[in-house]
C-alpha atoms as a PDB file:
ATOM      1  CA  MET A   1      -0.058   0.036   0.013  1.00  0.00           C
ATOM      2  CA  LEU A   2       1.127   3.540  -0.777  1.00  0.00           C
ATOM      3  CA  ILE A   3       0.060   6.609   1.149  1.00  0.00           C
ATOM      4  CA  THR A   4      -0.044  10.190  -0.303  1.00  0.00           C
ATOM      5  CA  PHE A   5       0.308  13.271   1.814  1.00  0.00           C
ATOM      6  CA  SER A   6      -1.220  16.482   0.375  1.00  0.00           C
ATOM      7  CA  THR A   7      -1.481  20.116   1.298  1.00  0.00           C
ATOM      8  CA  LYS A   8      -2.266  23.231  -0.688  1.00  0.00           C
ATOM      9  CA  SER A   9       1.163  24.682  -0.061  1.00  0.00           C
ATOM     10  CA  SER A  10       3.413  21.930  -1.425  1.00  0.00           C
ATOM     11  CA  ALA A  11       3.633  19.122  -3.928  1.00  0.00           C
ATOM     12  CA  ASP A  12       2.147  15.767  -2.818  1.00  0.00           C
ATOM     13  CA  ILE A  13       4.429  13.107  -1.503  1.00  0.00           C
ATOM     14  CA  THR A  14       3.815   9.359  -1.625  1.00  0.00           C
ATOM     15  CA  MET A  15       5.407   6.882   0.703  1.00  0.00           C
ATOM     16  CA  PHE A  16       5.254   3.150   1.381  1.00  0.00           C
ATOM     17  CA  GLY A  17       2.376   2.527   3.752  1.00  0.00           C
ATOM     18  CA  ASP A  18       4.338   0.921   6.565  1.00  0.00           C
ATOM     19  CA  VAL A  19       6.831   3.784   6.659  1.00  0.00           C
ATOM     20  CA  ALA A  20       4.109   6.392   6.396  1.00  0.00           C
ATOM     21  CA  THR A  21       2.134   4.809   9.304  1.00  0.00           C
ATOM     22  CA  ARG A  22       5.207   4.653  11.489  1.00  0.00           C
ATOM     23  CA  LEU A  23       5.946   8.386  10.889  1.00  0.00           C
ATOM     24  CA  LEU A  24       2.308   9.257  11.566  1.00  0.00           C
ATOM     25  CA  LYS A  25       2.572   7.495  14.910  1.00  0.00           C
ATOM     26  CA  LEU A  26       5.785   9.320  15.771  1.00  0.00           C
ATOM     27  CA  MET A  27       3.824  12.515  15.163  1.00  0.00           C
ATOM     28  CA  GLY A  28       1.338  11.485  17.709  1.00  0.00           C
ATOM     29  CA  GLN A  29      -1.334  10.352  15.210  1.00  0.00           C
ATOM     30  CA  SER A  30      -3.226   7.092  15.214  1.00  0.00           C
ATOM     31  CA  GLY A  31      -1.760   5.976  11.885  1.00  0.00           C
ATOM     32  CA  VAL A  32      -5.239   5.505  10.405  1.00  0.00           C
ATOM     33  CA  THR A  33      -5.590   6.267   6.725  1.00  0.00           C
ATOM     34  CA  PRO A  34      -7.242   8.475   5.568  1.00  0.00           C
ATOM     35  CA  GLY A  35      -6.515  11.256   8.020  1.00  0.00           C
ATOM     36  CA  ALA A  36      -5.764  14.893   8.387  1.00  0.00           C
ATOM     37  CA  LEU A  37      -3.815  17.468  10.553  1.00  0.00           C
ATOM     38  CA  LEU A  38      -5.280  20.883  10.986  1.00  0.00           C
ATOM     39  CA  ALA A  39      -2.837  23.760  10.435  1.00  0.00           C
ATOM     40  CA  ALA A  40      -3.018  24.676  14.203  1.00  0.00           C
ATOM     41  CA  ASP A  41      -1.734  21.208  15.061  1.00  0.00           C
ATOM     42  CA  LEU A  42       1.198  21.166  12.718  1.00  0.00           C
ATOM     43  CA  PRO A  43       3.879  22.782  14.889  1.00  0.00           C
ATOM     44  CA  ALA A  44       3.420  20.240  17.707  1.00  0.00           C
ATOM     45  CA  ALA A  45       3.370  17.345  15.258  1.00  0.00           C
ATOM     46  CA  ILE A  46       6.526  18.621  13.482  1.00  0.00           C
ATOM     47  CA  ASP A  47       8.350  18.944  16.892  1.00  0.00           C
ATOM     48  CA  LYS A  48       7.253  15.342  17.876  1.00  0.00           C
ATOM     49  CA  LEU A  49       8.471  13.920  14.545  1.00  0.00           C
ATOM     50  CA  LYS A  50      11.806  15.729  14.641  1.00  0.00           C
ATOM     51  CA  GLU A  51      12.408  14.611  18.198  1.00  0.00           C
ATOM     52  CA  ALA A  52      11.620  10.955  17.381  1.00  0.00           C
ATOM     53  CA  ILE A  53      13.732  11.111  14.255  1.00  0.00           C
ATOM     54  CA  ALA A  54      16.682  12.515  16.262  1.00  0.00           C
ATOM     55  CA  THR A  55      16.329   9.613  18.659  1.00  0.00           C
ATOM     56  CA  ALA A  56      15.902   6.985  15.865  1.00  0.00           C
ATOM     57  CA  GLY A  57      19.150   8.200  14.203  1.00  0.00           C
ATOM     58  CA  ASP A  58      20.073   6.114  11.237  1.00  0.00           C
ATOM     59  CA  GLU A  59      17.761   3.138  12.118  1.00  0.00           C
ATOM     60  CA  PRO A  60      16.519   1.439   8.967  1.00  0.00           C
ATOM     61  CA  ALA A  61      13.020   2.662   7.934  1.00  0.00           C
ATOM     62  CA  GLY A  62      11.705  -0.894   7.240  1.00  0.00           C
ATOM     63  CA  ASN A  63      12.397  -4.273   5.805  1.00  0.00           C
ATOM     64  CA  GLU A  64      13.699  -3.966   2.327  1.00  0.00           C
ATOM     65  CA  PRO A  65      13.075  -7.155   0.421  1.00  0.00           C
ATOM     66  CA  ALA A  66      15.897  -9.113  -1.150  1.00  0.00           C
ATOM     67  CA  ARG A  67      15.873  -9.443  -4.869  1.00  0.00           C
ATOM     68  CA  PRO A  68      16.014 -12.920  -6.389  1.00  0.00           C
ATOM     69  CA  GLY A  69      19.675 -13.898  -6.903  1.00  0.00           C
ATOM     70  CA  GLU A  70      20.959 -10.877  -5.029  1.00  0.00           C
ATOM     71  CA  ASP A  71      24.182 -11.364  -3.052  1.00  0.00           C
ATOM     72  CA  PRO A  72      23.346 -10.125   0.546  1.00  0.00           C
ATOM     73  CA  GLU A  73      26.920  -8.887   0.930  1.00  0.00           C
ATOM     74  CA  LYS A  74      26.577  -6.502  -2.067  1.00  0.00           C
ATOM     75  CA  ARG A  75      23.263  -4.957  -1.160  1.00  0.00           C
ATOM     76  CA  PRO A  76      23.276  -1.195  -0.752  1.00  0.00           C
ATOM     77  CA  PRO A  77      22.839   0.134   2.825  1.00  0.00           C
ATOM     78  CA  PRO A  78      19.202   0.349   4.097  1.00  0.00           C
ATOM     79  CA  VAL A  79      17.385   3.789   3.847  1.00  0.00           C
ATOM     80  CA  SER A  80      17.164   5.277   7.308  1.00  0.00           C
ATOM     81  CA  LEU A  81      14.043   6.491   8.878  1.00  0.00           C
ATOM     82  CA  ARG A  82      15.584  10.005   8.949  1.00  0.00           C
ATOM     83  CA  GLN A  83      15.939   9.892   5.222  1.00  0.00           C
ATOM     84  CA  ARG A  84      12.404   8.647   4.673  1.00  0.00           C
ATOM     85  CA  ALA A  85      11.026  11.316   7.066  1.00  0.00           C
ATOM     86  CA  PHE A  86      12.869  14.297   5.293  1.00  0.00           C
ATOM     87  CA  PRO A  87      10.236  14.974   2.582  1.00  0.00           C
ATOM     88  CA  LEU A  88       7.323  14.605   5.024  1.00  0.00           C
ATOM     89  CA  ILE A  89       8.933  17.128   7.368  1.00  0.00           C
ATOM     90  CA  ARG A  90       9.480  19.593   4.505  1.00  0.00           C
ATOM     91  CA  LEU A  91       5.740  19.163   3.530  1.00  0.00           C
ATOM     92  CA  LEU A  92       4.652  19.709   7.047  1.00  0.00           C
ATOM     93  CA  GLU A  93       6.830  22.729   7.523  1.00  0.00           C
ATOM     94  CA  ALA A  94       5.574  24.310   4.215  1.00  0.00           C
ATOM     95  CA  ALA A  95       1.996  23.671   5.337  1.00  0.00           C
ATOM     96  CA  ALA A  96       2.665  25.284   8.668  1.00  0.00           C
ATOM     97  CA  ARG A  97       4.172  28.375   7.043  1.00  0.00           C
ATOM     98  CA  ALA A  98       1.154  28.740   4.799  1.00  0.00           C
ATOM     99  CA  ASN A  99      -1.328  27.917   7.612  1.00  0.00           C
ATOM    100  CA  ALA A 100      -2.663  25.053   5.516  1.00  0.00           C
ATOM    101  CA  ASP A 101      -4.065  21.662   6.638  1.00  0.00           C
ATOM    102  CA  VAL A 102      -2.463  18.311   5.660  1.00  0.00           C
ATOM    103  CA  VAL A 103      -4.385  15.300   4.578  1.00  0.00           C
ATOM    104  CA  TRP A 104      -3.263  11.710   3.740  1.00  0.00           C
ATOM    105  CA  SER A 105      -4.965   8.882   2.007  1.00  0.00           C
ATOM    106  CA  ARG A 106      -4.219   5.675   0.115  1.00  0.00           C
ATOM    107  CA  ALA A 107      -2.541   6.480  -3.117  1.00  0.00           C
ATOM    108  CA  ARG A 108      -4.592   5.715  -6.284  1.00  0.00           C
ATOM    109  CA  ASN A 109      -3.207   3.109  -8.555  1.00  0.00           C
ATOM    110  CA  PRO A 110      -2.152   5.025 -11.753  1.00  0.00           C
ATOM    111  CA  LEU A 111      -2.730   1.787 -13.758  1.00  0.00           C
ATOM    112  CA  LEU A 112      -6.428   1.687 -13.076  1.00  0.00           C
END
């Protein structure tokens, strides 16, 4: 599942569902999709997320599946939670500056 975050003040971002849910929970949200954050609640959510990311450090964001025939020794390093959170933090900050709400929902399949 993919989750898309949207606000009037920034381009949409789409994330893997497990990572998006984890980041939502770090912001103090339930993780339920669809959902929304009012502009007035953004500063507290941003602070919670930044604090949690600082604590998580370079912890991997999730389980990245191995590709068939791939040598485990030659796999690239996993993407950290901090790296996955970066675009969401930027979107939240842009929304806060513009006093705009943020919504998230399941991404639509572009093939349908």
